[in-house]
Amino acid sequence: MQNLVNTDKVASGARLGKIGTFAGLGFLVAGLVISLALKESPLLWLSFVCLLAGILVSSIGTANLNRWVRQPRADQALAQGLKGFDDRYRLYNYLLPAPHVLLSPVGLYVLTALGTEGVIRYDGTRFRRDFSLGRLFRFMTDEQLGRPFAEADVQVQALQKFLDTHDLGQDVQIQNILVFYHPGAQLIVSDPPRPIVDPKGLKKAIRRQPGDKLSASVYQRLQELFDGAAGQFAT
């Protein structure tokens, strides 16, 4: 399996996370100092502005640290889950309109990586995440569950539009797999409309996916398109 990663994007995200975290801390300290120094002043409102800015900036910084610094990152977890496939399986990370795209002889996949931890349930109609006390203490660092299928659909549509632009949309069916990659994620899934797995179940999910295999010519066209576009999207 070939794992292609936009390392510039990873480094940029990690840098933003560190800057945001330290800047947020600076705002919080400034707010505390101002509140003590100007507690009898009409300018006391400045301390609340600094505290609010500190919380906001710290949240942005922490979210970026979790995504780009904390290991395993999404691309690392996906690569580990795909380990053992031959070099015809090419995983493009942060290089195409969808964050994680797997080109393989058996099909084209958008792998929607989700970093939520805890007990995550899907009962055939909706997602639900079990409550835990730990989430209260991690509220600023915790990745929310959100709407996984909606997020996945946006990614699939972005890649579909890209293929349509290059006259490949009619030749390829994009398949989607949701991958909860956080080591602390525990999945309890029933009757999903598309695969919902952790990295350990990713290879099995791909082998079980229905659909026609890619012809050699279509595979070659996709590889050439993706390899060329990777340089365009790398920043």
C-alpha atoms as a PDB file:
ATOM      1  CA  MET A   1       0.000   0.000   0.000  1.00  0.00           C
ATOM      2  CA  GLN A   2       1.296   3.430  -0.954  1.00  0.00           C
ATOM      3  CA  ASN A   3       0.568   6.213   1.523  1.00  0.00           C
ATOM      4  CA  LEU A   4       0.813   9.721   0.060  1.00  0.00           C
ATOM      5  CA  VAL A   5       0.569  12.581   2.556  1.00  0.00           C
ATOM      6  CA  ASN A   6       0.570  16.346   2.116  1.00  0.00           C
ATOM      7  CA  THR A   7       3.260  16.941   4.738  1.00  0.00           C
ATOM      8  CA  ASP A   8       3.152  20.707   4.202  1.00  0.00           C
ATOM      9  CA  LYS A   9      -0.517  20.766   5.223  1.00  0.00           C
ATOM     10  CA  VAL A  10       0.208  18.624   8.263  1.00  0.00           C
ATOM     11  CA  ALA A  11       3.042  20.923   9.337  1.00  0.00           C
ATOM     12  CA  SER A  12       0.924  24.024   8.746  1.00  0.00           C
ATOM     13  CA  GLY A  13      -1.946  22.630  10.809  1.00  0.00           C
ATOM     14  CA  ALA A  14       0.397  21.670  13.634  1.00  0.00           C
ATOM     15  CA  ARG A  15       1.930  25.138  13.608  1.00  0.00           C
ATOM     16  CA  LEU A  16      -1.514  26.767  13.734  1.00  0.00           C
ATOM     17  CA  GLY A  17      -2.451  24.535  16.646  1.00  0.00           C
ATOM     18  CA  LYS A  18       0.614  25.517  18.661  1.00  0.00           C
ATOM     19  CA  ILE A  19       0.225  29.224  17.911  1.00  0.00           C
ATOM     20  CA  GLY A  20      -3.486  29.151  18.761  1.00  0.00           C
ATOM     21  CA  THR A  21      -2.903  27.316  22.018  1.00  0.00           C
ATOM     22  CA  PHE A  22      -0.208  29.707  23.245  1.00  0.00           C
ATOM     23  CA  ALA A  23      -2.072  32.784  22.000  1.00  0.00           C
ATOM     24  CA  GLY A  24      -5.225  31.625  23.762  1.00  0.00           C
ATOM     25  CA  LEU A  25      -3.280  31.129  26.964  1.00  0.00           C
ATOM     26  CA  GLY A  26      -1.870  34.631  26.559  1.00  0.00           C
ATOM     27  CA  PHE A  27      -5.361  36.117  26.235  1.00  0.00           C
ATOM     28  CA  LEU A  28      -6.511  34.248  29.338  1.00  0.00           C
ATOM     29  CA  VAL A  29      -3.561  35.498  31.382  1.00  0.00           C
ATOM     30  CA  ALA A  30      -4.105  39.018  30.101  1.00  0.00           C
ATOM     31  CA  GLY A  31      -7.772  38.842  31.060  1.00  0.00           C
ATOM     32  CA  LEU A  32      -6.875  37.703  34.565  1.00  0.00           C
ATOM     33  CA  VAL A  33      -4.295  40.464  35.013  1.00  0.00           C
ATOM     34  CA  ILE A  34      -6.684  43.128  33.727  1.00  0.00           C
ATOM     35  CA  SER A  35      -9.466  41.913  36.012  1.00  0.00           C
ATOM     36  CA  LEU A  36      -7.154  42.272  39.025  1.00  0.00           C
ATOM     37  CA  ALA A  37      -5.634  45.594  37.982  1.00  0.00           C
ATOM     38  CA  LEU A  38      -8.835  47.298  36.840  1.00  0.00           C
ATOM     39  CA  LYS A  39     -11.455  45.740  39.103  1.00  0.00           C
ATOM     40  CA  GLU A  40     -12.713  49.212  40.114  1.00  0.00           C
ATOM     41  CA  SER A  41     -12.343  50.699  36.635  1.00  0.00           C
ATOM     42  CA  PRO A  42     -15.008  51.133  33.942  1.00  0.00           C
ATOM     43  CA  LEU A  43     -12.518  49.388  31.639  1.00  0.00           C
ATOM     44  CA  LEU A  44     -13.054  46.115  33.453  1.00  0.00           C
ATOM     45  CA  TRP A  45     -14.997  44.901  30.422  1.00  0.00           C
ATOM     46  CA  LEU A  46     -11.630  44.470  28.674  1.00  0.00           C
ATOM     47  CA  SER A  47     -10.900  41.505  30.930  1.00  0.00           C
ATOM     48  CA  PHE A  48     -14.069  39.743  29.760  1.00  0.00           C
ATOM     49  CA  VAL A  49     -13.128  40.405  26.131  1.00  0.00           C
ATOM     50  CA  CYS A  50      -9.697  38.892  26.710  1.00  0.00           C
ATOM     51  CA  LEU A  51     -11.142  35.875  28.514  1.00  0.00           C
ATOM     52  CA  LEU A  52     -13.663  35.263  25.736  1.00  0.00           C
ATOM     53  CA  ALA A  53     -10.960  35.629  23.076  1.00  0.00           C
ATOM     54  CA  GLY A  54      -8.725  33.284  25.044  1.00  0.00           C
ATOM     55  CA  ILE A  55     -11.367  30.565  25.176  1.00  0.00           C
ATOM     56  CA  LEU A  56     -12.140  30.930  21.468  1.00  0.00           C
ATOM     57  CA  VAL A  57      -8.522  30.996  20.278  1.00  0.00           C
ATOM     58  CA  SER A  58      -7.545  28.139  22.621  1.00  0.00           C
ATOM     59  CA  SER A  59     -10.396  26.031  21.257  1.00  0.00           C
ATOM     60  CA  ILE A  60      -9.201  26.589  17.694  1.00  0.00           C
ATOM     61  CA  GLY A  61      -5.631  25.808  18.685  1.00  0.00           C
ATOM     62  CA  THR A  62      -6.609  22.678  20.571  1.00  0.00           C
ATOM     63  CA  ALA A  63      -8.739  21.407  17.686  1.00  0.00           C
ATOM     64  CA  ASN A  64      -5.766  21.782  15.337  1.00  0.00           C
ATOM     65  CA  LEU A  65      -3.408  20.106  17.803  1.00  0.00           C
ATOM     66  CA  ASN A  66      -5.786  17.168  18.065  1.00  0.00           C
ATOM     67  CA  ARG A  67      -6.075  16.859  14.302  1.00  0.00           C
ATOM     68  CA  TRP A  68      -2.471  17.447  13.250  1.00  0.00           C
ATOM     69  CA  VAL A  69      -0.238  16.648  16.252  1.00  0.00           C
ATOM     70  CA  ARG A  70      -1.931  14.011  18.377  1.00  0.00           C
ATOM     71  CA  GLN A  71      -1.040  10.532  17.210  1.00  0.00           C
ATOM     72  CA  PRO A  72      -2.231   8.557  15.534  1.00  0.00           C
ATOM     73  CA  ARG A  73      -3.332  11.205  13.060  1.00  0.00           C
ATOM     74  CA  ALA A  74      -6.129  10.221  10.727  1.00  0.00           C
ATOM     75  CA  ASP A  75      -3.749   9.461   7.856  1.00  0.00           C
ATOM     76  CA  GLN A  76      -1.541   7.339  10.110  1.00  0.00           C
ATOM     77  CA  ALA A  77      -4.466   5.335  11.458  1.00  0.00           C
ATOM     78  CA  LEU A  78      -5.862   4.729   7.970  1.00  0.00           C
ATOM     79  CA  ALA A  79      -2.464   3.661   6.645  1.00  0.00           C
ATOM     80  CA  GLN A  80      -2.091   1.221   9.526  1.00  0.00           C
ATOM     81  CA  GLY A  81      -5.557  -0.169   8.838  1.00  0.00           C
ATOM     82  CA  LEU A  82      -4.666  -0.725   5.183  1.00  0.00           C
ATOM     83  CA  LYS A  83      -1.276  -2.256   5.899  1.00  0.00           C
ATOM     84  CA  GLY A  84      -0.726  -5.433   3.912  1.00  0.00           C
ATOM     85  CA  PHE A  85      -2.408  -4.345   0.694  1.00  0.00           C
ATOM     86  CA  ASP A  86      -0.114  -4.209  -2.327  1.00  0.00           C
ATOM     87  CA  ASP A  87       1.110  -1.048  -4.065  1.00  0.00           C
ATOM     88  CA  ARG A  88      -1.932  -0.845  -6.314  1.00  0.00           C
ATOM     89  CA  TYR A  89      -3.733   0.532  -3.253  1.00  0.00           C
ATOM     90  CA  ARG A  90      -2.892   4.229  -3.114  1.00  0.00           C
ATOM     91  CA  LEU A  91      -4.062   6.373  -0.192  1.00  0.00           C
ATOM     92  CA  TYR A  92      -4.111  10.128  -0.910  1.00  0.00           C
ATOM     93  CA  ASN A  93      -4.190  12.219   2.282  1.00  0.00           C
ATOM     94  CA  TYR A  94      -4.979  15.958   2.173  1.00  0.00           C
ATOM     95  CA  LEU A  95      -4.052  16.066  -1.515  1.00  0.00           C
ATOM     96  CA  LEU A  96      -7.451  15.891  -3.225  1.00  0.00           C
ATOM     97  CA  PRO A  97     -10.837  17.579  -2.703  1.00  0.00           C
ATOM     98  CA  ALA A  98     -11.716  14.868  -0.154  1.00  0.00           C
ATOM     99  CA  PRO A  99      -9.224  14.508   2.734  1.00  0.00           C
ATOM    100  CA  HIS A 100      -8.654  10.750   2.398  1.00  0.00           C
ATOM    101  CA  VAL A 101      -9.105   8.999  -0.929  1.00  0.00           C
ATOM    102  CA  LEU A 102      -8.199   5.370  -1.582  1.00  0.00           C
ATOM    103  CA  LEU A 103      -7.605   4.314  -5.178  1.00  0.00           C
ATOM    104  CA  SER A 104      -7.575   0.549  -5.526  1.00  0.00           C
ATOM    105  CA  PRO A 105      -8.144  -2.131  -8.173  1.00  0.00           C
ATOM    106  CA  VAL A 106     -11.428  -3.025  -6.465  1.00  0.00           C
ATOM    107  CA  GLY A 107     -12.852   0.492  -6.409  1.00  0.00           C
ATOM    108  CA  LEU A 108     -12.493   4.140  -5.490  1.00  0.00           C
ATOM    109  CA  TYR A 109     -13.191   5.058  -1.872  1.00  0.00           C
ATOM    110  CA  VAL A 110     -13.612   8.180   0.183  1.00  0.00           C
ATOM    111  CA  LEU A 111     -12.563   7.250   3.716  1.00  0.00           C
ATOM    112  CA  THR A 112     -14.267   9.644   6.121  1.00  0.00           C
ATOM    113  CA  ALA A 113     -12.014   9.755   9.184  1.00  0.00           C
ATOM    114  CA  LEU A 114     -13.665  10.689  12.492  1.00  0.00           C
ATOM    115  CA  GLY A 115     -11.641  11.306  15.653  1.00  0.00           C
ATOM    116  CA  THR A 116     -14.446  10.978  18.205  1.00  0.00           C
ATOM    117  CA  GLU A 117     -13.746   8.761  21.206  1.00  0.00           C
ATOM    118  CA  GLY A 118     -15.994   6.883  23.607  1.00  0.00           C
ATOM    119  CA  VAL A 119     -18.892   4.528  22.989  1.00  0.00           C
ATOM    120  CA  ILE A 120     -20.489   5.406  19.652  1.00  0.00           C
ATOM    121  CA  ARG A 121     -23.714   3.728  18.639  1.00  0.00           C
ATOM    122  CA  TYR A 122     -25.606   3.514  15.379  1.00  0.00           C
ATOM    123  CA  ASP A 123     -28.982   1.794  15.642  1.00  0.00           C
ATOM    124  CA  GLY A 124     -29.973   1.809  11.990  1.00  0.00           C
ATOM    125  CA  THR A 125     -31.448   5.308  12.077  1.00  0.00           C
ATOM    126  CA  ARG A 126     -29.133   7.664  13.950  1.00  0.00           C
ATOM    127  CA  PHE A 127     -25.821   8.029  15.733  1.00  0.00           C
ATOM    128  CA  ARG A 128     -25.615   8.385  19.480  1.00  0.00           C
ATOM    129  CA  ARG A 129     -22.675   8.803  21.817  1.00  0.00           C
ATOM    130  CA  ASP A 130     -22.776   7.511  25.377  1.00  0.00           C
ATOM    131  CA  PHE A 131     -22.289  10.067  28.116  1.00  0.00           C
ATOM    132  CA  SER A 132     -19.199   9.836  30.314  1.00  0.00           C
ATOM    133  CA  LEU A 133     -17.750  11.990  33.076  1.00  0.00           C
ATOM    134  CA  GLY A 134     -14.473  12.140  31.208  1.00  0.00           C
ATOM    135  CA  ARG A 135     -16.126  14.187  28.463  1.00  0.00           C
ATOM    136  CA  LEU A 136     -16.892  16.931  30.980  1.00  0.00           C
ATOM    137  CA  PHE A 137     -13.187  17.338  31.723  1.00  0.00           C
ATOM    138  CA  ARG A 138     -12.251  17.168  28.045  1.00  0.00           C
ATOM    139  CA  PHE A 139     -14.917  19.519  26.709  1.00  0.00           C
ATOM    140  CA  MET A 140     -12.356  21.804  25.059  1.00  0.00           C
ATOM    141  CA  THR A 141     -10.303  19.001  23.527  1.00  0.00           C
ATOM    142  CA  ASP A 142     -13.081  16.563  22.706  1.00  0.00           C
ATOM    143  CA  GLU A 143     -14.063  16.071  19.067  1.00  0.00           C
ATOM    144  CA  GLN A 144     -17.837  16.130  18.828  1.00  0.00           C
ATOM    145  CA  LEU A 145     -19.731  13.419  16.984  1.00  0.00           C
ATOM    146  CA  GLY A 146     -21.596  15.848  14.728  1.00  0.00           C
ATOM    147  CA  ARG A 147     -23.355  14.395  11.681  1.00  0.00           C
ATOM    148  CA  PRO A 148     -21.027  11.718  10.276  1.00  0.00           C
ATOM    149  CA  PHE A 149     -23.106  10.824   7.219  1.00  0.00           C
ATOM    150  CA  ALA A 150     -23.574  14.474   6.253  1.00  0.00           C
ATOM    151  CA  GLU A 151     -19.825  15.072   6.592  1.00  0.00           C
ATOM    152  CA  ALA A 152     -19.126  11.992   4.492  1.00  0.00           C
ATOM    153  CA  ASP A 153     -21.594  13.076   1.804  1.00  0.00           C
ATOM    154  CA  VAL A 154     -19.893  16.468   1.482  1.00  0.00           C
ATOM    155  CA  GLN A 155     -16.552  14.739   0.933  1.00  0.00           C
ATOM    156  CA  VAL A 156     -17.980  12.318  -1.638  1.00  0.00           C
ATOM    157  CA  GLN A 157     -19.685  15.160  -3.508  1.00  0.00           C
ATOM    158  CA  ALA A 158     -16.439  17.151  -3.597  1.00  0.00           C
ATOM    159  CA  LEU A 159     -14.578  14.236  -5.167  1.00  0.00           C
ATOM    160  CA  GLN A 160     -17.471  13.503  -7.546  1.00  0.00           C
ATOM    161  CA  LYS A 161     -17.439  17.099  -8.777  1.00  0.00           C
ATOM    162  CA  PHE A 162     -13.698  16.827  -9.321  1.00  0.00           C
ATOM    163  CA  LEU A 163     -14.126  13.653 -11.389  1.00  0.00           C
ATOM    164  CA  ASP A 164     -16.972  15.195 -13.374  1.00  0.00           C
ATOM    165  CA  THR A 165     -14.753  18.141 -14.237  1.00  0.00           C
ATOM    166  CA  HIS A 166     -12.256  15.714 -15.761  1.00  0.00           C
ATOM    167  CA  ASP A 167     -14.872  13.573 -17.562  1.00  0.00           C
ATOM    168  CA  LEU A 168     -14.428  10.595 -15.261  1.00  0.00           C
ATOM    169  CA  GLY A 169     -17.576  10.902 -13.193  1.00  0.00           C
ATOM    170  CA  GLN A 170     -19.602   8.512 -15.352  1.00  0.00           C
ATOM    171  CA  ASP A 171     -16.911   5.826 -15.305  1.00  0.00           C
ATOM    172  CA  VAL A 172     -16.425   5.479 -11.552  1.00  0.00           C
ATOM    173  CA  GLN A 173     -18.677   4.778  -8.589  1.00  0.00           C
ATOM    174  CA  ILE A 174     -17.313   6.423  -5.444  1.00  0.00           C
ATOM    175  CA  GLN A 175     -17.806   4.287  -2.360  1.00  0.00           C
ATOM    176  CA  ASN A 176     -17.679   5.612   1.173  1.00  0.00           C
ATOM    177  CA  ILE A 177     -16.546   4.125   4.463  1.00  0.00           C
ATOM    178  CA  LEU A 178     -16.733   5.881   7.838  1.00  0.00           C
ATOM    179  CA  VAL A 179     -13.657   5.175   9.966  1.00  0.00           C
ATOM    180  CA  PHE A 180     -13.591   6.120  13.658  1.00  0.00           C
ATOM    181  CA  TYR A 181      -9.856   6.175  14.164  1.00  0.00           C
ATOM    182  CA  HIS A 182      -9.481   7.362  17.776  1.00  0.00           C
ATOM    183  CA  PRO A 183      -7.949   4.522  19.854  1.00  0.00           C
ATOM    184  CA  GLY A 184     -10.588   5.159  22.517  1.00  0.00           C
ATOM    185  CA  ALA A 185     -13.544   4.754  20.165  1.00  0.00           C
ATOM    186  CA  GLN A 186     -15.828   1.783  20.763  1.00  0.00           C
ATOM    187  CA  LEU A 187     -18.356   1.108  18.011  1.00  0.00           C
ATOM    188  CA  ILE A 188     -21.723  -0.574  18.477  1.00  0.00           C
ATOM    189  CA  VAL A 189     -23.297  -0.599  15.017  1.00  0.00           C
ATOM    190  CA  SER A 190     -26.495  -2.112  13.653  1.00  0.00           C
ATOM    191  CA  ASP A 191     -27.737  -2.077  10.033  1.00  0.00           C
ATOM    192  CA  PRO A 192     -25.606   0.801   8.699  1.00  0.00           C
ATOM    193  CA  PRO A 193     -26.345   2.053   5.164  1.00  0.00           C
ATOM    194  CA  ARG A 194     -22.615   2.134   4.542  1.00  0.00           C
ATOM    195  CA  PRO A 195     -19.670   0.605   6.437  1.00  0.00           C
ATOM    196  CA  ILE A 196     -18.838   2.095   9.844  1.00  0.00           C
ATOM    197  CA  VAL A 197     -15.580   0.654  11.164  1.00  0.00           C
ATOM    198  CA  ASP A 198     -12.448   1.271  13.167  1.00  0.00           C
ATOM    199  CA  PRO A 199      -9.043   0.973  11.435  1.00  0.00           C
ATOM    200  CA  LYS A 200      -8.796  -2.715  12.299  1.00  0.00           C
ATOM    201  CA  GLY A 201     -11.976  -3.419  10.352  1.00  0.00           C
ATOM    202  CA  LEU A 202     -11.105  -1.301   7.330  1.00  0.00           C
ATOM    203  CA  LYS A 203      -9.531  -3.987   5.142  1.00  0.00           C
ATOM    204  CA  LYS A 204     -12.403  -6.378   5.764  1.00  0.00           C
ATOM    205  CA  ALA A 205     -14.928  -3.665   4.892  1.00  0.00           C
ATOM    206  CA  ILE A 206     -13.164  -2.999   1.581  1.00  0.00           C
ATOM    207  CA  ARG A 207     -13.092  -6.678   0.692  1.00  0.00           C
ATOM    208  CA  ARG A 208     -16.828  -6.945   1.389  1.00  0.00           C
ATOM    209  CA  GLN A 209     -17.868  -3.879  -0.590  1.00  0.00           C
ATOM    210  CA  PRO A 210     -20.098  -4.620  -3.586  1.00  0.00           C
ATOM    211  CA  GLY A 211     -19.574  -3.050  -6.975  1.00  0.00           C
ATOM    212  CA  ASP A 212     -17.540  -3.635 -10.100  1.00  0.00           C
ATOM    213  CA  LYS A 213     -13.768  -3.589 -10.041  1.00  0.00           C
ATOM    214  CA  LEU A 214     -11.997  -0.768 -11.837  1.00  0.00           C
ATOM    215  CA  SER A 215     -10.762  -1.629 -15.297  1.00  0.00           C
ATOM    216  CA  ALA A 216      -7.035  -1.256 -15.880  1.00  0.00           C
ATOM    217  CA  SER A 217      -7.590   1.755 -18.138  1.00  0.00           C
ATOM    218  CA  VAL A 218      -9.856   3.604 -15.692  1.00  0.00           C
ATOM    219  CA  TYR A 219      -7.484   2.853 -12.818  1.00  0.00           C
ATOM    220  CA  GLN A 220      -4.583   4.279 -14.853  1.00  0.00           C
ATOM    221  CA  ARG A 221      -6.525   7.430 -15.724  1.00  0.00           C
ATOM    222  CA  LEU A 222      -7.459   7.967 -12.094  1.00  0.00           C
ATOM    223  CA  GLN A 223      -3.896   7.470 -10.907  1.00  0.00           C
ATOM    224  CA  GLU A 224      -2.565   9.950 -13.454  1.00  0.00           C
ATOM    225  CA  LEU A 225      -5.271  12.472 -12.529  1.00  0.00           C
ATOM    226  CA  PHE A 226      -4.735  12.108  -8.789  1.00  0.00           C
ATOM    227  CA  ASP A 227      -0.957  12.178  -8.987  1.00  0.00           C
ATOM    228  CA  GLY A 228      -1.116  15.324 -11.096  1.00  0.00           C
ATOM    229  CA  ALA A 229      -3.701  16.997  -8.864  1.00  0.00           C
ATOM    230  CA  ALA A 230      -1.748  16.155  -5.723  1.00  0.00           C
ATOM    231  CA  GLY A 231       0.830  18.781  -6.609  1.00  0.00           C
ATOM    232  CA  GLN A 232      -1.904  21.328  -7.339  1.00  0.00           C
ATOM    233  CA  PHE A 233      -3.649  20.843  -3.976  1.00  0.00           C
ATOM    234  CA  ALA A 234      -0.454  20.613  -1.909  1.00  0.00           C
ATOM    235  CA  THR A 235       0.139  23.943  -0.165  1.00  0.00           C
END
